[in-house]
Amino acid sequence: MSMMNKNRQEIVTQAASAHQESLRKSLQHRLEVARAQGNESLIRQLEKEAAYLHLQ
């Protein structure tokens, strides 16, 4: 693998990690709000979303 391809792959990997972290933080915030509101239906939905995205 050339150095350019290796660097490109590292950038793609870092971007994917950053995107997953952003999703995790957003979902965590949404869960906190749903819990504070006592919205059990939304909590269950968000927990399912987290499991689907492998964020828990």
PDB file of N, CA and C in Angstrom:
ATOM      1  N   MET A   1       0.868  -1.183   0.000  1.00  0.00           N
ATOM      2  CA  MET A   1       0.000   0.000   0.000  1.00  0.00           C
ATOM      3  C   MET A   1       0.902   1.229   0.000  1.00  0.00           C
ATOM      4  N   SER A   2       0.595   2.139  -0.873  1.00  0.00           N
ATOM      5  CA  SER A   2       1.413   3.349  -0.934  1.00  0.00           C
ATOM      6  C   SER A   2       1.158   4.221   0.285  1.00  0.00           C
ATOM      7  N   MET A   3       2.085   5.124   0.541  1.00  0.00           N
ATOM      8  CA  MET A   3       1.975   6.029   1.681  1.00  0.00           C
ATOM      9  C   MET A   3       0.717   6.897   1.550  1.00  0.00           C
ATOM     10  N   MET A   4       0.405   7.328   0.327  1.00  0.00           N
ATOM     11  CA  MET A   4      -0.772   8.169   0.111  1.00  0.00           C
ATOM     12  C   MET A   4      -2.049   7.399   0.445  1.00  0.00           C
ATOM     13  N   ASN A   5      -2.143   6.154   0.012  1.00  0.00           N
ATOM     14  CA  ASN A   5      -3.323   5.343   0.317  1.00  0.00           C
ATOM     15  C   ASN A   5      -3.431   5.066   1.799  1.00  0.00           C
ATOM     16  N   LYS A   6      -2.292   4.845   2.445  1.00  0.00           N
ATOM     17  CA  LYS A   6      -2.299   4.600   3.887  1.00  0.00           C
ATOM     18  C   LYS A   6      -2.792   5.837   4.632  1.00  0.00           C
ATOM     19  N   ASN A   7      -2.318   7.006   4.245  1.00  0.00           N
ATOM     20  CA  ASN A   7      -2.771   8.248   4.873  1.00  0.00           C
ATOM     21  C   ASN A   7      -4.257   8.474   4.646  1.00  0.00           C
ATOM     22  N   ARG A   8      -4.706   8.198   3.447  1.00  0.00           N
ATOM     23  CA  ARG A   8      -6.127   8.355   3.126  1.00  0.00           C
ATOM     24  C   ARG A   8      -6.966   7.423   3.987  1.00  0.00           C
ATOM     25  N   GLN A   9      -6.513   6.167   4.148  1.00  0.00           N
ATOM     26  CA  GLN A   9      -7.239   5.200   4.972  1.00  0.00           C
ATOM     27  C   GLN A   9      -7.282   5.662   6.423  1.00  0.00           C
ATOM     28  N   GLU A  10      -6.184   6.225   6.923  1.00  0.00           N
ATOM     29  CA  GLU A  10      -6.162   6.734   8.300  1.00  0.00           C
ATOM     30  C   GLU A  10      -7.162   7.877   8.468  1.00  0.00           C
ATOM     31  N   ILE A  11      -7.248   8.744   7.482  1.00  0.00           N
ATOM     32  CA  ILE A  11      -8.200   9.864   7.534  1.00  0.00           C
ATOM     33  C   ILE A  11      -9.635   9.346   7.545  1.00  0.00           C
ATOM     34  N   VAL A  12      -9.912   8.368   6.700  1.00  0.00           N
ATOM     35  CA  VAL A  12     -11.262   7.783   6.649  1.00  0.00           C
ATOM     36  C   VAL A  12     -11.603   7.122   7.990  1.00  0.00           C
ATOM     37  N   THR A  13     -10.654   6.397   8.550  1.00  0.00           N
ATOM     38  CA  THR A  13     -10.869   5.731   9.837  1.00  0.00           C
ATOM     39  C   THR A  13     -11.120   6.758  10.939  1.00  0.00           C
ATOM     40  N   GLN A  14     -10.337   7.826  10.967  1.00  0.00           N
ATOM     41  CA  GLN A  14     -10.512   8.876  11.971  1.00  0.00           C
ATOM     42  C   GLN A  14     -11.864   9.570  11.809  1.00  0.00           C
ATOM     43  N   ALA A  15     -12.270   9.803  10.571  1.00  0.00           N
ATOM     44  CA  ALA A  15     -13.563  10.447  10.326  1.00  0.00           C
ATOM     45  C   ALA A  15     -14.704   9.548  10.801  1.00  0.00           C
ATOM     46  N   ALA A  16     -14.591   8.261  10.548  1.00  0.00           N
ATOM     47  CA  ALA A  16     -15.628   7.315  10.987  1.00  0.00           C
ATOM     48  C   ALA A  16     -15.706   7.291  12.508  1.00  0.00           C
ATOM     49  N   SER A  17     -14.559   7.299  13.161  1.00  0.00           N
ATOM     50  CA  SER A  17     -14.541   7.312  14.629  1.00  0.00           C
ATOM     51  C   SER A  17     -15.156   8.596  15.174  1.00  0.00           C
ATOM     52  N   ALA A  18     -14.824   9.713  14.571  1.00  0.00           N
ATOM     53  CA  ALA A  18     -15.379  10.995  15.008  1.00  0.00           C
ATOM     54  C   ALA A  18     -16.887  11.020  14.806  1.00  0.00           C
ATOM     55  N   HIS A  19     -17.350  10.463  13.702  1.00  0.00           N
ATOM     56  CA  HIS A  19     -18.784  10.423  13.422  1.00  0.00           C
ATOM     57  C   HIS A  19     -19.509   9.555  14.454  1.00  0.00           C
ATOM     58  N   GLN A  20     -18.933   8.398  14.774  1.00  0.00           N
ATOM     59  CA  GLN A  20     -19.560   7.516  15.757  1.00  0.00           C
ATOM     60  C   GLN A  20     -19.589   8.191  17.129  1.00  0.00           C
ATOM     61  N   GLU A  21     -18.532   8.897  17.486  1.00  0.00           N
ATOM     62  CA  GLU A  21     -18.500   9.594  18.773  1.00  0.00           C
ATOM     63  C   GLU A  21     -19.555  10.698  18.816  1.00  0.00           C
ATOM     64  N   SER A  22     -19.728  11.394  17.704  1.00  0.00           N
ATOM     65  CA  SER A  22     -20.756  12.429  17.622  1.00  0.00           C
ATOM     66  C   SER A  22     -22.151  11.828  17.792  1.00  0.00           C
ATOM     67  N   LEU A  23     -22.393  10.700  17.139  1.00  0.00           N
ATOM     68  CA  LEU A  23     -23.681  10.008  17.284  1.00  0.00           C
ATOM     69  C   LEU A  23     -23.905   9.594  18.733  1.00  0.00           C
ATOM     70  N   ARG A  24     -22.851   9.056  19.362  1.00  0.00           N
ATOM     71  CA  ARG A  24     -22.964   8.597  20.748  1.00  0.00           C
ATOM     72  C   ARG A  24     -23.292   9.755  21.687  1.00  0.00           C
ATOM     73  N   LYS A  25     -22.612  10.887  21.505  1.00  0.00           N
ATOM     74  CA  LYS A  25     -22.869  12.043  22.368  1.00  0.00           C
ATOM     75  C   LYS A  25     -24.278  12.579  22.167  1.00  0.00           C
ATOM     76  N   SER A  26     -24.716  12.640  20.919  1.00  0.00           N
ATOM     77  CA  SER A  26     -26.059  13.127  20.621  1.00  0.00           C
ATOM     78  C   SER A  26     -27.112  12.209  21.241  1.00  0.00           C
ATOM     79  N   LEU A  27     -26.921  10.920  21.069  1.00  0.00           N
ATOM     80  CA  LEU A  27     -27.871   9.953  21.617  1.00  0.00           C
ATOM     81  C   LEU A  27     -27.878  10.016  23.141  1.00  0.00           C
ATOM     82  N   GLN A  28     -26.694  10.155  23.749  1.00  0.00           N
ATOM     83  CA  GLN A  28     -26.607  10.256  25.202  1.00  0.00           C
ATOM     84  C   GLN A  28     -27.383  11.475  25.698  1.00  0.00           C
ATOM     85  N   HIS A  29     -27.236  12.600  25.017  1.00  0.00           N
ATOM     86  CA  HIS A  29     -27.960  13.810  25.407  1.00  0.00           C
ATOM     87  C   HIS A  29     -29.465  13.607  25.267  1.00  0.00           C
ATOM     88  N   ARG A  30     -29.880  13.008  24.164  1.00  0.00           N
ATOM     89  CA  ARG A  30     -31.305  12.767  23.953  1.00  0.00           C
ATOM     90  C   ARG A  30     -31.870  11.851  25.030  1.00  0.00           C
ATOM     91  N   LEU A  31     -31.082  10.845  25.436  1.00  0.00           N
ATOM     92  CA  LEU A  31     -31.512   9.948  26.508  1.00  0.00           C
ATOM     93  C   LEU A  31     -31.637  10.691  27.833  1.00  0.00           C
ATOM     94  N   GLU A  32     -30.683  11.558  28.131  1.00  0.00           N
ATOM     95  CA  GLU A  32     -30.739  12.337  29.374  1.00  0.00           C
ATOM     96  C   GLU A  32     -31.995  13.195  29.422  1.00  0.00           C
ATOM     97  N   VAL A  33     -32.318  13.838  28.309  1.00  0.00           N
ATOM     98  CA  VAL A  33     -33.507  14.682  28.243  1.00  0.00           C
ATOM     99  C   VAL A  33     -34.767  13.829  28.402  1.00  0.00           C
ATOM    100  N   ALA A  34     -34.824  12.710  27.699  1.00  0.00           N
ATOM    101  CA  ALA A  34     -35.994  11.826  27.789  1.00  0.00           C
ATOM    102  C   ALA A  34     -36.171  11.324  29.221  1.00  0.00           C
ATOM    103  N   ARG A  35     -35.076  10.973  29.879  1.00  0.00           N
ATOM    104  CA  ARG A  35     -35.157  10.507  31.268  1.00  0.00           C
ATOM    105  C   ARG A  35     -35.616  11.629  32.192  1.00  0.00           C
ATOM    106  N   ALA A  36     -35.106  12.829  31.980  1.00  0.00           N
ATOM    107  CA  ALA A  36     -35.500  13.972  32.812  1.00  0.00           C
ATOM    108  C   ALA A  36     -36.986  14.270  32.648  1.00  0.00           C
ATOM    109  N   GLN A  37     -37.511  14.029  31.456  1.00  0.00           N
ATOM    110  CA  GLN A  37     -38.934  14.266  31.189  1.00  0.00           C
ATOM    111  C   GLN A  37     -39.791  13.075  31.593  1.00  0.00           C
ATOM    112  N   GLY A  38     -39.149  11.968  31.934  1.00  0.00           N
ATOM    113  CA  GLY A  38     -39.897  10.769  32.296  1.00  0.00           C
ATOM    114  C   GLY A  38     -40.586  10.124  31.111  1.00  0.00           C
ATOM    115  N   ASN A  39     -40.066  10.332  29.927  1.00  0.00           N
ATOM    116  CA  ASN A  39     -40.677   9.829  28.696  1.00  0.00           C
ATOM    117  C   ASN A  39     -40.192   8.397  28.423  1.00  0.00           C
ATOM    118  N   GLU A  40     -40.871   7.424  29.050  1.00  0.00           N
ATOM    119  CA  GLU A  40     -40.443   6.025  28.971  1.00  0.00           C
ATOM    120  C   GLU A  40     -40.451   5.484  27.540  1.00  0.00           C
ATOM    121  N   SER A  41     -41.430   5.883  26.757  1.00  0.00           N
ATOM    122  CA  SER A  41     -41.513   5.417  25.376  1.00  0.00           C
ATOM    123  C   SER A  41     -40.292   5.885  24.579  1.00  0.00           C
ATOM    124  N   LEU A  42     -39.933   7.136  24.732  1.00  0.00           N
ATOM    125  CA  LEU A  42     -38.772   7.674  24.017  1.00  0.00           C
ATOM    126  C   LEU A  42     -37.485   7.044  24.537  1.00  0.00           C
ATOM    127  N   ILE A  43     -37.398   6.817  25.840  1.00  0.00           N
ATOM    128  CA  ILE A  43     -36.214   6.167  26.413  1.00  0.00           C
ATOM    129  C   ILE A  43     -36.012   4.796  25.772  1.00  0.00           C
ATOM    130  N   ARG A  44     -37.073   3.997  25.695  1.00  0.00           N
ATOM    131  CA  ARG A  44     -36.972   2.668  25.080  1.00  0.00           C
ATOM    132  C   ARG A  44     -36.547   2.768  23.619  1.00  0.00           C
ATOM    133  N   GLN A  45     -37.126   3.724  22.912  1.00  0.00           N
ATOM    134  CA  GLN A  45     -36.789   3.905  21.500  1.00  0.00           C
ATOM    135  C   GLN A  45     -35.313   4.282  21.340  1.00  0.00           C
ATOM    136  N   LEU A  46     -34.838   5.197  22.161  1.00  0.00           N
ATOM    137  CA  LEU A  46     -33.442   5.628  22.069  1.00  0.00           C
ATOM    138  C   LEU A  46     -32.484   4.508  22.484  1.00  0.00           C
ATOM    139  N   GLU A  47     -32.873   3.708  23.462  1.00  0.00           N
ATOM    140  CA  GLU A  47     -32.038   2.573  23.860  1.00  0.00           C
ATOM    141  C   GLU A  47     -31.952   1.553  22.729  1.00  0.00           C
ATOM    142  N   LYS A  48     -33.055   1.342  22.015  1.00  0.00           N
ATOM    143  CA  LYS A  48     -33.032   0.444  20.852  1.00  0.00           C
ATOM    144  C   LYS A  48     -32.127   1.011  19.766  1.00  0.00           C
ATOM    145  N   GLU A  49     -32.197   2.330  19.561  1.00  0.00           N
ATOM    146  CA  GLU A  49     -31.343   2.973  18.563  1.00  0.00           C
ATOM    147  C   GLU A  49     -29.870   2.801  18.946  1.00  0.00           C
ATOM    148  N   ALA A  50     -29.552   2.980  20.205  1.00  0.00           N
ATOM    149  CA  ALA A  50     -28.175   2.829  20.665  1.00  0.00           C
ATOM    150  C   ALA A  50     -27.692   1.393  20.436  1.00  0.00           C
ATOM    151  N   ALA A  51     -28.536   0.429  20.738  1.00  0.00           N
ATOM    152  CA  ALA A  51     -28.160  -0.971  20.526  1.00  0.00           C
ATOM    153  C   ALA A  51     -27.954  -1.255  19.051  1.00  0.00           C
ATOM    154  N   TYR A  52     -28.844  -0.734  18.209  1.00  0.00           N
ATOM    155  CA  TYR A  52     -28.739  -0.927  16.762  1.00  0.00           C
ATOM    156  C   TYR A  52     -27.432  -0.346  16.219  1.00  0.00           C
ATOM    157  N   LEU A  53     -27.060   0.815  16.745  1.00  0.00           N
ATOM    158  CA  LEU A  53     -25.837   1.484  16.287  1.00  0.00           C
ATOM    159  C   LEU A  53     -24.593   1.007  17.045  1.00  0.00           C
ATOM    160  N   HIS A  54     -24.776   0.044  17.944  1.00  0.00           N
ATOM    161  CA  HIS A  54     -23.690  -0.500  18.758  1.00  0.00           C
ATOM    162  C   HIS A  54     -22.986   0.609  19.540  1.00  0.00           C
ATOM    163  N   LEU A  55     -23.784   1.482  20.154  1.00  0.00           N
ATOM    164  CA  LEU A  55     -23.245   2.608  20.908  1.00  0.00           C
ATOM    165  C   LEU A  55     -23.322   2.386  22.417  1.00  0.00           C
ATOM    166  N   GLN A  56     -23.945   1.310  22.835  1.00  0.00           N
ATOM    167  CA  GLN A  56     -24.048   1.064  24.288  1.00  0.00           C
ATOM    168  C   GLN A  56     -23.053   0.019  24.700  1.00  0.00           C
TER     169      GLN A  56
END
